[in-house]
Protein backbone atom coordinates (compact mmCIF):
# COMPACT_ATOMS: atom_id res chain seq x y z
CA UNK A 1 33.12 8.32 -60.98
CA UNK A 2 31.44 11.04 -58.87
CA UNK A 3 29.03 12.87 -61.20
CA UNK A 4 30.33 16.31 -60.11
CA UNK A 5 33.91 15.27 -60.77
CA UNK A 6 32.88 14.04 -64.21
CA UNK A 7 31.49 17.44 -65.12
CA UNK A 8 34.54 19.24 -63.71
CA UNK A 9 36.84 17.29 -66.02
CA UNK A 10 34.42 17.88 -68.88
CA UNK A 11 34.46 21.64 -68.28
CA UNK A 12 38.25 21.70 -67.97
CA UNK A 13 38.63 19.85 -71.27
CA UNK A 14 36.30 22.32 -72.96
CA UNK A 15 38.11 25.38 -71.56
CA UNK A 16 41.61 24.01 -71.88
CA UNK A 17 41.71 20.96 -74.18
CA UNK A 18 45.42 20.41 -73.60
CA UNK A 19 44.94 20.27 -69.83
CA UNK A 20 47.80 22.80 -69.35
CA UNK A 21 46.05 25.70 -67.62
CA UNK A 22 47.58 25.82 -64.12
CA UNK A 23 45.25 28.56 -62.96
CA UNK A 24 42.04 26.63 -63.57
CA UNK A 25 42.71 23.71 -61.23
CA UNK A 26 42.32 25.62 -57.90
CA UNK A 27 38.94 26.94 -59.00
CA UNK A 28 37.84 23.51 -60.07
CA UNK A 29 38.86 22.00 -56.74
CA UNK A 30 37.10 24.81 -54.88
CA UNK A 31 33.95 24.07 -56.89
CA UNK A 32 34.22 20.37 -56.11
CA UNK A 33 34.45 20.75 -52.35
CA UNK A 34 32.08 23.69 -51.94
CA UNK A 35 29.13 22.23 -53.83
CA UNK A 36 29.65 18.58 -52.91
CA UNK A 37 26.91 17.29 -50.65
CA UNK A 38 26.84 13.62 -51.51
CA UNK A 39 25.65 10.77 -49.31
CA UNK A 40 29.01 10.43 -47.56
CA UNK A 41 28.55 13.79 -45.82
CA UNK A 42 24.96 13.10 -44.87
CA UNK A 43 24.51 9.32 -45.10
CA UNK A 44 21.10 7.67 -45.09
CA UNK A 45 21.25 4.84 -42.57
CA UNK A 46 19.07 1.90 -43.58
CA UNK A 47 16.83 0.74 -40.79
CA UNK A 48 18.01 -2.52 -39.26
CA UNK A 49 15.72 -5.53 -39.39
CA UNK A 50 13.92 -6.08 -36.09
CA UNK A 51 13.09 -9.44 -34.53
CA UNK A 52 10.76 -9.71 -31.51
CA UNK A 53 12.24 -11.45 -28.45
CA UNK A 54 11.68 -15.17 -27.91
CA UNK A 55 10.98 -14.79 -24.19
CA UNK A 56 7.23 -15.35 -24.36
CA UNK A 57 6.39 -11.71 -23.69
CA UNK A 58 4.11 -9.57 -25.84
CA UNK A 59 6.95 -7.17 -26.62
CA UNK A 60 7.06 -6.22 -30.31
CA UNK A 61 8.37 -2.91 -31.61
CA UNK A 62 5.97 -0.90 -33.74
CA UNK A 63 6.25 1.64 -36.54
CA UNK A 64 3.50 4.10 -37.33
CA UNK A 65 1.85 4.80 -40.66
CA UNK A 66 3.05 8.41 -40.29
CA UNK A 67 6.67 7.34 -39.65
CA UNK A 68 6.63 5.41 -42.92
CA UNK A 69 5.10 8.32 -44.81
CA UNK A 70 2.16 6.13 -45.78
CA UNK A 71 -1.36 7.28 -46.57
CA UNK A 72 -3.37 7.40 -43.34
CA UNK A 73 -6.63 7.89 -45.26
CA UNK A 74 -6.21 4.42 -46.82
CA UNK A 75 -6.24 2.65 -43.44
CA UNK A 76 -9.96 2.72 -42.68
CA UNK A 77 -11.10 1.48 -46.11
CA UNK A 78 -8.71 -1.46 -45.68
CA UNK A 79 -10.03 -2.25 -42.20
CA UNK A 80 -13.63 -1.95 -43.35
CA UNK A 81 -12.96 -4.39 -46.18
CA UNK A 82 -11.23 -6.88 -43.90
CA UNK A 83 -14.13 -6.84 -41.45
CA UNK A 84 -16.69 -7.11 -44.24
CA UNK A 85 -14.84 -10.18 -45.56
CA UNK A 86 -15.05 -12.14 -42.30
CA UNK A 87 -11.47 -11.57 -41.19
CA UNK A 88 -10.39 -12.40 -37.66
CA UNK A 89 -6.94 -10.81 -37.69
CA UNK A 90 -4.58 -8.78 -39.83
CA UNK A 91 -0.94 -7.77 -39.39
CA UNK A 92 1.51 -5.79 -41.49
CA UNK A 93 5.22 -5.90 -40.64
CA UNK A 94 7.81 -3.63 -42.23
CA UNK A 95 11.43 -4.41 -41.39
CA UNK A 96 10.01 -6.67 -38.69
CA UNK A 97 8.12 -3.89 -36.92
CA UNK A 98 4.35 -3.98 -36.53
CA UNK A 99 2.73 -1.26 -38.63
CA UNK A 100 -0.84 -2.53 -38.40
CA UNK A 101 -2.33 -5.12 -36.05
CA UNK A 102 -6.08 -5.49 -35.99
CA UNK A 103 -8.55 -8.05 -34.70
CA UNK A 104 -12.19 -8.50 -35.65
CA UNK A 105 -15.33 -10.36 -34.62
CA UNK A 106 -14.21 -11.22 -31.09
CA UNK A 107 -10.80 -12.57 -32.10
CA UNK A 108 -7.84 -11.38 -30.00
CA UNK A 109 -4.05 -11.48 -30.06
CA UNK A 110 -4.25 -14.52 -27.78
CA UNK A 111 -6.77 -16.45 -29.89
CA UNK A 112 -5.40 -19.40 -31.90
CA UNK A 113 -6.62 -20.08 -35.43
CA UNK A 114 -5.81 -22.68 -38.05
CA UNK A 115 -3.32 -22.14 -40.87
CA UNK A 116 -4.97 -24.67 -43.21
CA UNK A 117 -2.78 -25.15 -46.31
CA UNK A 118 -0.70 -22.11 -45.44
CA UNK A 119 0.91 -24.59 -43.04
CA UNK A 120 2.33 -26.52 -45.99
CA UNK A 121 5.19 -24.02 -45.87
CA UNK A 122 6.00 -25.23 -42.36
CA UNK A 123 6.50 -28.73 -43.77
CA UNK A 124 8.64 -27.33 -46.58
CA UNK A 125 10.85 -25.49 -44.10
CA UNK A 126 11.26 -28.44 -41.75
CA UNK A 127 12.14 -30.70 -44.69
CA UNK A 128 14.90 -28.25 -45.58
CA UNK A 129 16.16 -28.29 -41.99
CA UNK A 130 16.29 -32.09 -42.00
CA UNK A 131 18.23 -32.03 -45.26
CA UNK A 132 20.79 -29.54 -43.96
CA UNK A 133 21.29 -31.80 -40.94
CA UNK A 134 22.14 -34.65 -43.30
CA UNK A 135 19.08 -36.70 -42.38
CA UNK A 136 17.61 -36.79 -45.87
CA UNK A 137 18.12 -35.70 -49.46
CA UNK A 138 15.13 -34.24 -51.28
CA UNK A 139 16.38 -35.76 -54.54
CA UNK A 140 16.06 -39.27 -53.10
CA UNK A 141 12.94 -41.31 -53.75
CA UNK A 142 10.32 -41.30 -51.01
CA UNK A 143 10.44 -45.08 -50.72
CA UNK A 144 14.05 -44.80 -49.50
CA UNK A 145 12.55 -43.52 -46.25
CA UNK A 146 9.04 -45.00 -46.13
CA UNK A 147 9.70 -48.32 -47.84
CA UNK A 148 7.80 -49.56 -50.88
CA UNK A 149 4.02 -49.76 -50.90
CA UNK A 150 3.34 -46.30 -49.50
CA UNK A 151 1.18 -45.79 -52.62
CA UNK A 152 -0.89 -48.19 -54.73
CA UNK A 153 1.02 -47.18 -57.86
CA UNK A 154 3.02 -49.86 -59.70
CA UNK A 155 6.38 -50.23 -57.98
CA UNK A 156 8.35 -48.86 -60.93
CA UNK A 157 6.15 -45.74 -60.94
CA UNK A 158 6.24 -45.33 -57.16
CA UNK A 159 10.03 -45.43 -57.26
CA UNK A 160 10.03 -42.41 -59.58
CA UNK A 161 8.56 -40.19 -56.86
CA UNK A 162 11.18 -38.16 -54.97
CA UNK A 163 10.83 -35.94 -51.93
CA UNK A 164 11.30 -33.00 -54.28
CA UNK A 165 8.25 -34.16 -56.27
CA UNK A 166 6.19 -33.95 -53.08
CA UNK A 167 7.54 -30.46 -52.38
CA UNK A 168 6.77 -29.38 -55.95
CA UNK A 169 3.32 -31.01 -56.24
CA UNK A 170 4.27 -33.09 -59.27
CA UNK A 171 4.18 -36.60 -57.84
CA UNK A 172 1.92 -37.86 -60.64
CA UNK A 173 -0.58 -39.27 -58.12
CA UNK A 174 -4.34 -38.81 -58.53
CA UNK A 175 -5.50 -35.57 -56.87
CA UNK A 176 -9.22 -36.30 -57.45
CA UNK A 177 -9.61 -38.89 -54.68
CA UNK A 178 -9.97 -36.60 -51.68
CA UNK A 179 -7.72 -35.87 -48.70
CA UNK A 180 -7.06 -39.45 -47.65
CA UNK A 181 -3.37 -40.29 -48.05
CA UNK A 182 -3.55 -44.00 -47.28
CA UNK A 183 -1.83 -46.22 -49.87
CA UNK A 184 -5.13 -47.29 -51.43
CA UNK A 185 -5.98 -43.65 -52.13
CA UNK A 186 -2.61 -42.71 -53.64
CA UNK A 187 -3.08 -43.90 -57.20
CA UNK A 188 -0.96 -43.46 -60.29
CA UNK A 189 -2.05 -41.02 -63.02
CA UNK A 190 1.21 -39.89 -64.60
CA UNK A 191 4.93 -40.33 -64.15
CA UNK A 192 6.42 -38.15 -61.43
CA UNK A 193 7.42 -34.79 -62.88
CA UNK A 194 5.02 -34.94 -65.83
CA UNK A 195 1.91 -33.50 -64.18
CA UNK A 196 1.36 -30.75 -61.59
CA UNK A 197 -1.55 -31.28 -59.21
CA UNK A 198 -2.27 -29.77 -55.80
CA UNK A 199 -2.44 -32.81 -53.54
CA UNK A 200 -2.30 -33.61 -49.84
CA UNK A 201 0.28 -36.30 -50.54
CA UNK A 202 2.84 -33.63 -49.57
CA UNK A 203 2.11 -34.63 -45.95
CA UNK A 204 4.15 -37.78 -46.54
CA UNK A 205 7.17 -35.51 -46.15
CA UNK A 206 6.35 -35.37 -42.47
CA UNK A 207 6.59 -39.17 -42.37
CA UNK A 208 9.92 -38.94 -44.19
CA UNK A 209 11.25 -36.56 -41.54
CA UNK A 210 9.98 -38.85 -38.79
CA UNK A 211 11.74 -41.87 -40.28
CA UNK A 212 14.93 -39.95 -41.06
CA UNK A 213 15.19 -38.26 -37.66
CA UNK A 214 13.90 -40.99 -35.37
CA UNK A 215 11.71 -38.38 -33.65
CA UNK A 216 8.02 -37.62 -33.71
CA UNK A 217 6.99 -34.93 -36.18
CA UNK A 218 5.79 -32.66 -33.37
CA UNK A 219 9.02 -32.97 -31.40
CA UNK A 220 11.25 -32.35 -34.41
CA UNK A 221 9.13 -29.43 -35.59
CA UNK A 222 9.00 -27.82 -32.16
CA UNK A 223 12.72 -28.06 -31.43
CA UNK A 224 14.01 -27.21 -34.92
CA UNK A 225 11.57 -24.47 -35.94
CA UNK A 226 8.77 -23.42 -33.58
CA UNK A 227 10.83 -22.81 -30.47
CA UNK A 228 13.67 -21.12 -32.36
CA UNK A 229 11.23 -18.53 -33.68
CA UNK A 230 9.44 -18.04 -30.36
CA UNK A 231 6.17 -19.37 -31.81
CA UNK A 232 4.92 -20.21 -28.32
CA UNK A 233 1.75 -22.22 -27.89
CA UNK A 234 1.27 -23.31 -31.49
CA UNK A 235 0.31 -26.93 -32.07
CA UNK A 236 -0.57 -29.51 -34.70
CA UNK A 237 -4.18 -30.65 -34.38
CA UNK A 238 -5.47 -33.83 -36.02
CA UNK A 239 -8.21 -32.94 -38.50
CA UNK A 240 -9.75 -36.41 -38.40
CA UNK A 241 -8.74 -37.53 -41.89
CA UNK A 242 -5.19 -38.56 -41.11
CA UNK A 243 -3.89 -35.01 -41.59
CA UNK A 244 -2.74 -32.52 -38.98
CA UNK A 245 -3.43 -28.80 -39.25
CA UNK A 246 -1.33 -26.20 -37.51
CA UNK A 247 -2.99 -23.76 -35.11
CA UNK A 248 -1.38 -20.66 -33.63
CA UNK A 249 -1.89 -17.01 -32.83
CA UNK A 250 -1.61 -14.45 -35.61
CA UNK A 251 1.64 -13.11 -34.19
CA UNK A 252 3.15 -16.58 -34.38
CA UNK A 253 2.21 -16.75 -38.03
CA UNK A 254 3.87 -13.34 -38.42
CA UNK A 255 7.05 -14.67 -36.80
CA UNK A 256 7.26 -17.40 -39.41
CA UNK A 257 6.64 -14.85 -42.15
CA UNK A 258 9.45 -12.69 -40.78
CA UNK A 259 11.85 -15.65 -40.93
CA UNK A 260 10.76 -16.20 -44.53
CA UNK A 261 11.39 -12.54 -45.36
CA UNK A 262 14.93 -13.04 -44.08
CA UNK A 263 15.52 -16.15 -46.22
CA UNK A 264 15.48 -18.64 -43.39
CA UNK A 265 17.31 -16.51 -40.84
CA UNK A 266 16.04 -15.42 -37.42
CA UNK A 267 17.86 -12.68 -35.54
CA UNK A 268 21.27 -13.70 -36.90
CA UNK A 269 20.69 -17.45 -36.67
CA UNK A 270 20.22 -19.40 -39.92
CA UNK A 271 17.29 -21.71 -39.18
CA UNK A 272 17.19 -23.24 -42.65
CA UNK A 273 19.99 -22.59 -45.12
CA UNK A 274 19.52 -19.76 -47.57
CA UNK A 275 20.24 -21.86 -50.65
CA UNK A 276 17.37 -24.20 -49.85
CA UNK A 277 15.07 -21.32 -48.98
CA UNK A 278 15.83 -19.57 -52.26
CA UNK A 279 14.97 -22.79 -54.10
CA UNK A 280 11.78 -23.16 -52.06
CA UNK A 281 10.62 -19.69 -53.10
CA UNK A 282 11.52 -20.07 -56.79
CA UNK A 283 9.76 -21.99 -59.57
CA UNK A 284 10.27 -25.68 -58.78
CA UNK A 285 9.11 -27.28 -62.05
CA UNK A 286 8.16 -26.25 -65.59
CA UNK A 287 4.39 -26.81 -65.43
CA UNK A 288 3.13 -24.41 -62.75
CA UNK A 289 5.60 -21.53 -62.82
CA UNK A 290 3.92 -19.99 -59.79
CA UNK A 291 4.82 -22.80 -57.40
CA UNK A 292 7.98 -23.45 -55.43
CA UNK A 293 8.39 -25.94 -52.59
CA UNK A 294 4.86 -25.62 -51.15
CA UNK A 295 5.09 -21.81 -51.57
CA UNK A 296 3.04 -19.85 -54.11
CA UNK A 297 4.91 -17.30 -56.25
CA UNK A 298 3.53 -14.06 -57.62
CA UNK A 299 4.66 -12.26 -60.76
CA UNK A 300 5.19 -15.28 -63.00
CA UNK A 301 4.14 -15.53 -66.66
CA UNK A 302 1.47 -18.15 -65.91
CA UNK A 303 0.00 -20.23 -63.10
CA UNK A 304 -2.29 -23.13 -62.26
CA UNK A 305 -4.98 -23.00 -59.61
CA UNK A 306 -5.49 -25.84 -57.11
CA UNK A 307 -7.63 -28.70 -58.46
CA UNK A 308 -7.12 -27.49 -62.03
CA UNK A 309 -5.00 -28.56 -64.97
CA UNK A 310 -5.77 -25.29 -66.78
CA UNK A 311 -2.87 -22.91 -67.34
CA UNK A 312 -3.76 -19.26 -66.78
CA UNK A 313 -1.57 -16.50 -68.13
CA UNK A 314 -0.26 -13.63 -66.04
CA UNK A 315 0.47 -13.09 -62.38
CA UNK A 316 -1.67 -14.75 -59.70
CA UNK A 317 -2.35 -11.43 -57.95
CA UNK A 318 -1.69 -8.66 -60.47
CA UNK A 319 -2.42 -5.92 -57.91
CA UNK A 320 0.40 -7.18 -55.63
CA UNK A 321 4.18 -6.83 -56.02
CA UNK A 322 5.71 -9.24 -58.52
CA UNK A 323 8.38 -10.48 -56.12
CA UNK A 324 5.84 -11.56 -53.51
CA UNK A 325 5.73 -15.20 -52.39
CA UNK A 326 2.87 -16.62 -50.39
CA UNK A 327 1.55 -19.27 -48.04
CA UNK A 328 -2.12 -19.70 -48.92
CA UNK A 329 -4.69 -21.73 -47.03
CA UNK A 330 -8.35 -22.68 -47.22
CA UNK A 331 -10.80 -20.01 -46.09
CA UNK A 332 -8.26 -17.31 -46.91
CA UNK A 333 -5.48 -17.91 -44.44
CA UNK A 334 -2.60 -15.83 -45.83
CA UNK A 335 1.07 -15.15 -45.38
CA UNK A 336 2.31 -12.67 -47.96
CA UNK A 337 6.08 -11.98 -48.05
CA UNK A 338 7.34 -9.04 -50.14
CA UNK A 339 11.16 -8.79 -50.14
CA UNK A 340 11.30 -5.55 -52.18
CA UNK A 341 9.27 -3.77 -49.51
CA UNK A 342 10.68 -5.70 -46.55
CA UNK A 343 7.09 -6.44 -45.71
CA UNK A 344 5.10 -9.34 -44.29
CA UNK A 345 1.30 -9.35 -44.33
CA UNK A 346 -0.86 -11.83 -42.38
CA UNK A 347 -4.60 -12.45 -42.69
CA UNK A 348 -6.54 -15.06 -40.71
CA UNK A 349 -10.26 -15.64 -40.64
CA UNK A 350 -13.25 -17.32 -42.22
CA UNK A 351 -13.73 -17.55 -45.97
CA UNK A 352 -13.89 -14.06 -47.47
CA UNK A 353 -16.49 -15.09 -50.04
CA UNK A 354 -18.77 -18.01 -50.80
CA UNK A 355 -15.82 -19.92 -52.23
CA UNK A 356 -13.35 -21.34 -49.75
CA UNK A 357 -10.33 -22.05 -51.94
CA UNK A 358 -6.85 -20.95 -50.92
CA UNK A 359 -6.91 -18.36 -53.70
CA UNK A 360 -9.87 -16.18 -54.69
CA UNK A 361 -10.76 -12.68 -55.95
CA UNK A 362 -10.36 -11.56 -52.35
CA UNK A 363 -6.57 -11.46 -52.80
CA UNK A 364 -6.72 -9.05 -55.72
CA UNK A 365 -9.08 -6.59 -54.02
CA UNK A 366 -7.22 -6.86 -50.73
CA UNK A 367 -3.95 -5.93 -52.43
CA UNK A 368 -5.55 -2.96 -54.15
CA UNK A 369 -6.37 -1.66 -50.68
CA UNK A 370 -3.01 -2.60 -49.14
CA UNK A 371 -1.06 -0.93 -51.93
CA UNK A 372 -3.13 2.25 -51.46
CA UNK A 373 -1.33 2.59 -48.12
CA UNK A 374 2.08 3.16 -49.66
CA UNK A 375 1.50 4.32 -53.26
C-alpha cells in the first residue's frame, strides 16, 4: 500500500473510528493528491546496459567520474598505485561504459598482453557453450570423450573424473608435478571430488571440446565466443609446455568481462546459457567455497589458495564487494566482475610484487583504492 494512503486511513480511523464521517473524505483525497510526489510522477529511469559495437572500430561510450558522482580526488592515488605496481593497463566499466581507461609503461590500447590463468574462464565459458549445443555433458566422465589412458591413474580411478571435476579443480590428480599434462604426469592422489587442488589438468576440457565438436579448439573458440563479442585480434599462443595462453588487448578482456557481468549475454544475444553461467560463478564443490567453474568467488566463508591444501577463513578480498567474482592470472592479470555495482574492472601487467601468484596482497590494497572512488 502507498505509505501516504496508509497514514490517511490511519488518521481517518483515529478521527472517525466508525468510518461514517462523510465530510472528512474530500479533505483526505485532497491531501492525497496534493502532497503525492511518488516515483510515478517523476520516475527514475535506470540506465540501460551498453555494449560496444562489434565492427572492429575503437568506438566505446564513456561515462565520467563526475557523471557518476564519484570522488575525483581518489583517481590519482589509484593511478599512482597502479603504476608503482608495474601495471600496463587498467579499465573500469560501469553499465558497460568506460569510466577509467589508463595505460602505463609504454603499453597502449593496441598492445596485446597475456591473460595467464585468467584465461581459464574462457575455457569454462566455451565448455558451457559446447554443452548447450548438445556436444557434451559436464557430468560425463572425461574418458567418454578422450578415451581411457589420458591419465596414469588406475582405470577405475580415472573413470571417476568428470568434466565437472576439471571445471571445479577437484579431479584428485597430483598438482605437485608441474604444468605438464601428459598422461605420465597426471597421477592419482585422491578420488575425484575428495580433494581440491589448483591444477592445469583443466586444459583437458579443451581436448574434450575438440573431440566433441570435431573442430580445432581455436576455430570453435573463435566462432562461438571471440567473434561474437568482437574480441578482434586475440589469439591462443603456445607457451611451450603443451599449454596455450590467450593474448589480447585490454579492451578485449573488458568485452569478456562485460559478457560475464550480463550472465553470458551480449547485446541481447545469449552466448552461453544463464543457468550454466550462474553455476559457473557459484560454489562448485564443498572444499573450496570460493571456487566455481574456473572462476574465483569473493565473499565466501572460507577459501583455499592455489598450491595449498590449507583452508583460510573469510573472504578472499575483504576490501572488495562480497558478490564479486573474478578471473585471476599469474603476474596479476585480473578480471573483476561486480554485479551489485554493474561494474567490470580489468588490470593487466607484470607482477605487482615479488610474488607472482594469481592472488596476492595487491588485490586487497587495490580494492581499497578502487572503493575510495565510489564510497
